[in-house]
Amino acid sequence: MKTLRRAQGAIEYLFMLAAALILIAVVLRVITTSLQEITTAVTDYTEYLREKLLQTL
């Protein structure tokens, strides 16, 4: 019986570890996507400001 409990504990630990890794992967994916969108927005805005500045000169 003790071995069965120990094995069940190990399986539960592995499931928790798998869940944690999945959550980390999702968070990294969201952060990466957000950073790409922010970079694109900043680049577009910088280009817009540059064009407006050149038009005023």
PDB file of N, CA and C in Angstrom:
ATOM      1  N   MET A   1       0.814  -1.199   0.000  1.00  0.00           N
ATOM      2  CA  MET A   1       0.000   0.000   0.000  1.00  0.00           C
ATOM      3  C   MET A   1       0.855   1.260   0.000  1.00  0.00           C
ATOM      4  N   LYS A   2       1.963   1.227   0.725  1.00  0.00           N
ATOM      5  CA  LYS A   2       2.823   2.394   0.805  1.00  0.00           C
ATOM      6  C   LYS A   2       3.414   2.735  -0.568  1.00  0.00           C
ATOM      7  N   THR A   3       3.765   1.699  -1.325  1.00  0.00           N
ATOM      8  CA  THR A   3       4.326   1.906  -2.648  1.00  0.00           C
ATOM      9  C   THR A   3       3.287   2.539  -3.572  1.00  0.00           C
ATOM     10  N   LEU A   4       2.041   2.111  -3.450  1.00  0.00           N
ATOM     11  CA  LEU A   4       0.971   2.658  -4.275  1.00  0.00           C
ATOM     12  C   LEU A   4       0.766   4.140  -3.977  1.00  0.00           C
ATOM     13  N   ARG A   5       0.795   4.513  -2.717  1.00  0.00           N
ATOM     14  CA  ARG A   5       0.655   5.923  -2.342  1.00  0.00           C
ATOM     15  C   ARG A   5       1.828   6.747  -2.857  1.00  0.00           C
ATOM     16  N   ARG A   6       3.013   6.171  -2.780  1.00  0.00           N
ATOM     17  CA  ARG A   6       4.195   6.877  -3.248  1.00  0.00           C
ATOM     18  C   ARG A   6       4.122   7.084  -4.763  1.00  0.00           C
ATOM     19  N   ALA A   7       3.666   6.058  -5.479  1.00  0.00           N
ATOM     20  CA  ALA A   7       3.530   6.162  -6.929  1.00  0.00           C
ATOM     21  C   ALA A   7       2.456   7.187  -7.297  1.00  0.00           C
ATOM     22  N   GLN A   8       1.359   7.187  -6.559  1.00  0.00           N
ATOM     23  CA  GLN A   8       0.296   8.151  -6.819  1.00  0.00           C
ATOM     24  C   GLN A   8       0.803   9.568  -6.567  1.00  0.00           C
ATOM     25  N   GLY A   9       1.586   9.753  -5.534  1.00  0.00           N
ATOM     26  CA  GLY A   9       2.161  11.061  -5.249  1.00  0.00           C
ATOM     27  C   GLY A   9       3.096  11.512  -6.359  1.00  0.00           C
ATOM     28  N   ALA A  10       3.878  10.575  -6.892  1.00  0.00           N
ATOM     29  CA  ALA A  10       4.792  10.911  -7.983  1.00  0.00           C
ATOM     30  C   ALA A  10       4.022  11.303  -9.238  1.00  0.00           C
ATOM     31  N   ILE A  11       2.945  10.606  -9.514  1.00  0.00           N
ATOM     32  CA  ILE A  11       2.130  10.928 -10.692  1.00  0.00           C
ATOM     33  C   ILE A  11       1.475  12.289 -10.516  1.00  0.00           C
ATOM     34  N   GLU A  12       0.970  12.563  -9.318  1.00  0.00           N
ATOM     35  CA  GLU A  12       0.371  13.874  -9.065  1.00  0.00           C
ATOM     36  C   GLU A  12       1.410  14.977  -9.220  1.00  0.00           C
ATOM     37  N   TYR A  13       2.610  14.727  -8.753  1.00  0.00           N
ATOM     38  CA  TYR A  13       3.693  15.697  -8.899  1.00  0.00           C
ATOM     39  C   TYR A  13       3.989  15.945 -10.374  1.00  0.00           C
ATOM     40  N   LEU A  14       4.041  14.883 -11.176  1.00  0.00           N
ATOM     41  CA  LEU A  14       4.314  15.039 -12.607  1.00  0.00           C
ATOM     42  C   LEU A  14       3.201  15.824 -13.301  1.00  0.00           C
ATOM     43  N   PHE A  15       1.951  15.582 -12.912  1.00  0.00           N
ATOM     44  CA  PHE A  15       0.847  16.343 -13.492  1.00  0.00           C
ATOM     45  C   PHE A  15       0.943  17.819 -13.116  1.00  0.00           C
ATOM     46  N   MET A  16       1.298  18.112 -11.875  1.00  0.00           N
ATOM     47  CA  MET A  16       1.458  19.502 -11.464  1.00  0.00           C
ATOM     48  C   MET A  16       2.606  20.159 -12.222  1.00  0.00           C
ATOM     49  N   LEU A  17       3.683  19.419 -12.409  1.00  0.00           N
ATOM     50  CA  LEU A  17       4.823  19.934 -13.158  1.00  0.00           C
ATOM     51  C   LEU A  17       4.432  20.207 -14.608  1.00  0.00           C
ATOM     52  N   ALA A  18       3.685  19.299 -15.210  1.00  0.00           N
ATOM     53  CA  ALA A  18       3.230  19.487 -16.589  1.00  0.00           C
ATOM     54  C   ALA A  18       2.315  20.711 -16.686  1.00  0.00           C
ATOM     55  N   ALA A  19       1.416  20.873 -15.728  1.00  0.00           N
ATOM     56  CA  ALA A  19       0.515  22.029 -15.733  1.00  0.00           C
ATOM     57  C   ALA A  19       1.309  23.328 -15.596  1.00  0.00           C
ATOM     58  N   ALA A  20       2.303  23.332 -14.736  1.00  0.00           N
ATOM     59  CA  ALA A  20       3.128  24.530 -14.560  1.00  0.00           C
ATOM     60  C   ALA A  20       3.883  24.867 -15.845  1.00  0.00           C
ATOM     61  N   LEU A  21       4.414  23.852 -16.508  1.00  0.00           N
ATOM     62  CA  LEU A  21       5.144  24.090 -17.761  1.00  0.00           C
ATOM     63  C   LEU A  21       4.219  24.611 -18.855  1.00  0.00           C
ATOM     64  N   ILE A  22       3.004  24.100 -18.898  1.00  0.00           N
ATOM     65  CA  ILE A  22       2.034  24.586 -19.882  1.00  0.00           C
ATOM     66  C   ILE A  22       1.698  26.049 -19.604  1.00  0.00           C
ATOM     67  N   LEU A  23       1.491  26.395 -18.338  1.00  0.00           N
ATOM     68  CA  LEU A  23       1.205  27.786 -17.992  1.00  0.00           C
ATOM     69  C   LEU A  23       2.365  28.708 -18.354  1.00  0.00           C
ATOM     70  N   ILE A  24       3.572  28.259 -18.094  1.00  0.00           N
ATOM     71  CA  ILE A  24       4.748  29.061 -18.452  1.00  0.00           C
ATOM     72  C   ILE A  24       4.825  29.256 -19.958  1.00  0.00           C
ATOM     73  N   ALA A  25       4.547  28.197 -20.731  1.00  0.00           N
ATOM     74  CA  ALA A  25       4.575  28.304 -22.191  1.00  0.00           C
ATOM     75  C   ALA A  25       3.523  29.294 -22.693  1.00  0.00           C
ATOM     76  N   VAL A  26       2.338  29.263 -22.105  1.00  0.00           N
ATOM     77  CA  VAL A  26       1.273  30.187 -22.511  1.00  0.00           C
ATOM     78  C   VAL A  26       1.670  31.622 -22.183  1.00  0.00           C
ATOM     79  N   VAL A  27       2.214  31.844 -21.004  1.00  0.00           N
ATOM     80  CA  VAL A  27       2.629  33.193 -20.610  1.00  0.00           C
ATOM     81  C   VAL A  27       3.725  33.712 -21.536  1.00  0.00           C
ATOM     82  N   LEU A  28       4.696  32.874 -21.853  1.00  0.00           N
ATOM     83  CA  LEU A  28       5.769  33.293 -22.754  1.00  0.00           C
ATOM     84  C   LEU A  28       5.230  33.616 -24.144  1.00  0.00           C
ATOM     85  N   ARG A  29       4.269  32.837 -24.598  1.00  0.00           N
ATOM     86  CA  ARG A  29       3.661  33.078 -25.909  1.00  0.00           C
ATOM     87  C   ARG A  29       2.944  34.428 -25.919  1.00  0.00           C
ATOM     88  N   VAL A  30       2.187  34.713 -24.866  1.00  0.00           N
ATOM     89  CA  VAL A  30       1.459  35.985 -24.790  1.00  0.00           C
ATOM     90  C   VAL A  30       2.435  37.159 -24.731  1.00  0.00           C
ATOM     91  N   ILE A  31       3.485  37.022 -23.933  1.00  0.00           N
ATOM     92  CA  ILE A  31       4.474  38.098 -23.817  1.00  0.00           C
ATOM     93  C   ILE A  31       5.170  38.340 -25.150  1.00  0.00           C
ATOM     94  N   THR A  32       5.553  37.268 -25.839  1.00  0.00           N
ATOM     95  CA  THR A  32       6.234  37.401 -27.128  1.00  0.00           C
ATOM     96  C   THR A  32       5.340  38.082 -28.152  1.00  0.00           C
ATOM     97  N   THR A  33       4.091  37.645 -28.224  1.00  0.00           N
ATOM     98  CA  THR A  33       3.151  38.253 -29.167  1.00  0.00           C
ATOM     99  C   THR A  33       2.929  39.721 -28.837  1.00  0.00           C
ATOM    100  N   SER A  34       2.781  40.037 -27.559  1.00  0.00           N
ATOM    101  CA  SER A  34       2.564  41.428 -27.153  1.00  0.00           C
ATOM    102  C   SER A  34       3.767  42.297 -27.503  1.00  0.00           C
ATOM    103  N   LEU A  35       4.953  41.790 -27.270  1.00  0.00           N
ATOM    104  CA  LEU A  35       6.155  42.566 -27.593  1.00  0.00           C
ATOM    105  C   LEU A  35       6.261  42.825 -29.085  1.00  0.00           C
ATOM    106  N   GLN A  36       5.901  41.830 -29.908  1.00  0.00           N
ATOM    107  CA  GLN A  36       5.935  42.026 -31.353  1.00  0.00           C
ATOM    108  C   GLN A  36       4.930  43.097 -31.784  1.00  0.00           C
ATOM    109  N   GLU A  37       3.733  43.061 -31.195  1.00  0.00           N
ATOM    110  CA  GLU A  37       2.714  44.058 -31.533  1.00  0.00           C
ATOM    111  C   GLU A  37       3.137  45.450 -31.083  1.00  0.00           C
ATOM    112  N   ILE A  38       3.722  45.549 -29.910  1.00  0.00           N
ATOM    113  CA  ILE A  38       4.189  46.845 -29.408  1.00  0.00           C
ATOM    114  C   ILE A  38       5.293  47.393 -30.300  1.00  0.00           C
ATOM    115  N   THR A  39       6.214  46.524 -30.704  1.00  0.00           N
ATOM    116  CA  THR A  39       7.308  46.952 -31.577  1.00  0.00           C
ATOM    117  C   THR A  39       6.760  47.459 -32.905  1.00  0.00           C
ATOM    118  N   THR A  40       5.804  46.759 -33.457  1.00  0.00           N
ATOM    119  CA  THR A  40       5.196  47.193 -34.718  1.00  0.00           C
ATOM    120  C   THR A  40       4.485  48.532 -34.552  1.00  0.00           C
ATOM    121  N   ALA A  41       3.749  48.699 -33.465  1.00  0.00           N
ATOM    122  CA  ALA A  41       3.030  49.951 -33.225  1.00  0.00           C
ATOM    123  C   ALA A  41       3.993  51.120 -33.062  1.00  0.00           C
ATOM    124  N   VAL A  42       5.063  50.908 -32.321  1.00  0.00           N
ATOM    125  CA  VAL A  42       6.049  51.980 -32.113  1.00  0.00           C
ATOM    126  C   VAL A  42       6.733  52.330 -33.431  1.00  0.00           C
ATOM    127  N   THR A  43       7.068  51.334 -34.213  1.00  0.00           N
ATOM    128  CA  THR A  43       7.709  51.571 -35.512  1.00  0.00           C
ATOM    129  C   THR A  43       6.787  52.350 -36.434  1.00  0.00           C
ATOM    130  N   ASP A  44       5.517  51.950 -36.488  1.00  0.00           N
ATOM    131  CA  ASP A  44       4.554  52.662 -37.337  1.00  0.00           C
ATOM    132  C   ASP A  44       4.376  54.109 -36.878  1.00  0.00           C
ATOM    133  N   TYR A  45       4.282  54.307 -35.577  1.00  0.00           N
ATOM    134  CA  TYR A  45       4.089  55.658 -35.047  1.00  0.00           C
ATOM    135  C   TYR A  45       5.321  56.527 -35.311  1.00  0.00           C
ATOM    136  N   THR A  46       6.499  55.938 -35.171  1.00  0.00           N
ATOM    137  CA  THR A  46       7.731  56.676 -35.443  1.00  0.00           C
ATOM    138  C   THR A  46       7.792  57.089 -36.905  1.00  0.00           C
ATOM    139  N   GLU A  47       7.405  56.197 -37.791  1.00  0.00           N
ATOM    140  CA  GLU A  47       7.384  56.501 -39.226  1.00  0.00           C
ATOM    141  C   GLU A  47       6.371  57.620 -39.520  1.00  0.00           C
ATOM    142  N   TYR A  48       5.214  57.554 -38.886  1.00  0.00           N
ATOM    143  CA  TYR A  48       4.190  58.587 -39.060  1.00  0.00           C
ATOM    144  C   TYR A  48       4.714  59.941 -38.594  1.00  0.00           C
ATOM    145  N   LEU A  49       5.334  59.975 -37.413  1.00  0.00           N
ATOM    146  CA  LEU A  49       5.872  61.237 -36.906  1.00  0.00           C
ATOM    147  C   LEU A  49       6.980  61.781 -37.806  1.00  0.00           C
ATOM    148  N   ARG A  50       7.803  60.891 -38.329  1.00  0.00           N
ATOM    149  CA  ARG A  50       8.882  61.321 -39.216  1.00  0.00           C
ATOM    150  C   ARG A  50       8.298  61.969 -40.486  1.00  0.00           C
ATOM    151  N   GLU A  51       7.263  61.345 -41.037  1.00  0.00           N
ATOM    152  CA  GLU A  51       6.636  61.898 -42.234  1.00  0.00           C
ATOM    153  C   GLU A  51       6.011  63.276 -41.955  1.00  0.00           C
ATOM    154  N   LYS A  52       5.324  63.385 -40.827  1.00  0.00           N
ATOM    155  CA  LYS A  52       4.708  64.665 -40.468  1.00  0.00           C
ATOM    156  C   LYS A  52       5.763  65.734 -40.223  1.00  0.00           C
ATOM    157  N   LEU A  53       6.859  65.362 -39.605  1.00  0.00           N
ATOM    158  CA  LEU A  53       7.937  66.320 -39.348  1.00  0.00           C
ATOM    159  C   LEU A  53       8.550  66.796 -40.660  1.00  0.00           C
ATOM    160  N   LEU A  54       8.768  65.882 -41.594  1.00  0.00           N
ATOM    161  CA  LEU A  54       9.349  66.274 -42.885  1.00  0.00           C
ATOM    162  C   LEU A  54       8.371  67.147 -43.682  1.00  0.00           C
ATOM    163  N   GLN A  55       7.076  66.935 -43.501  1.00  0.00           N
ATOM    164  CA  GLN A  55       6.106  67.763 -44.213  1.00  0.00           C
ATOM    165  C   GLN A  55       6.091  69.193 -43.679  1.00  0.00           C
ATOM    166  N   THR A  56       6.378  69.358 -42.418  1.00  0.00           N
ATOM    167  CA  THR A  56       6.334  70.704 -41.824  1.00  0.00           C
ATOM    168  C   THR A  56       7.617  71.495 -42.117  1.00  0.00           C
ATOM    169  N   LEU A  57       8.669  70.812 -42.500  1.00  0.00           N
ATOM    170  CA  LEU A  57       9.933  71.527 -42.757  1.00  0.00           C
ATOM    171  C   LEU A  57       9.993  72.109 -44.142  1.00  0.00           C
TER     172      LEU A  57
END
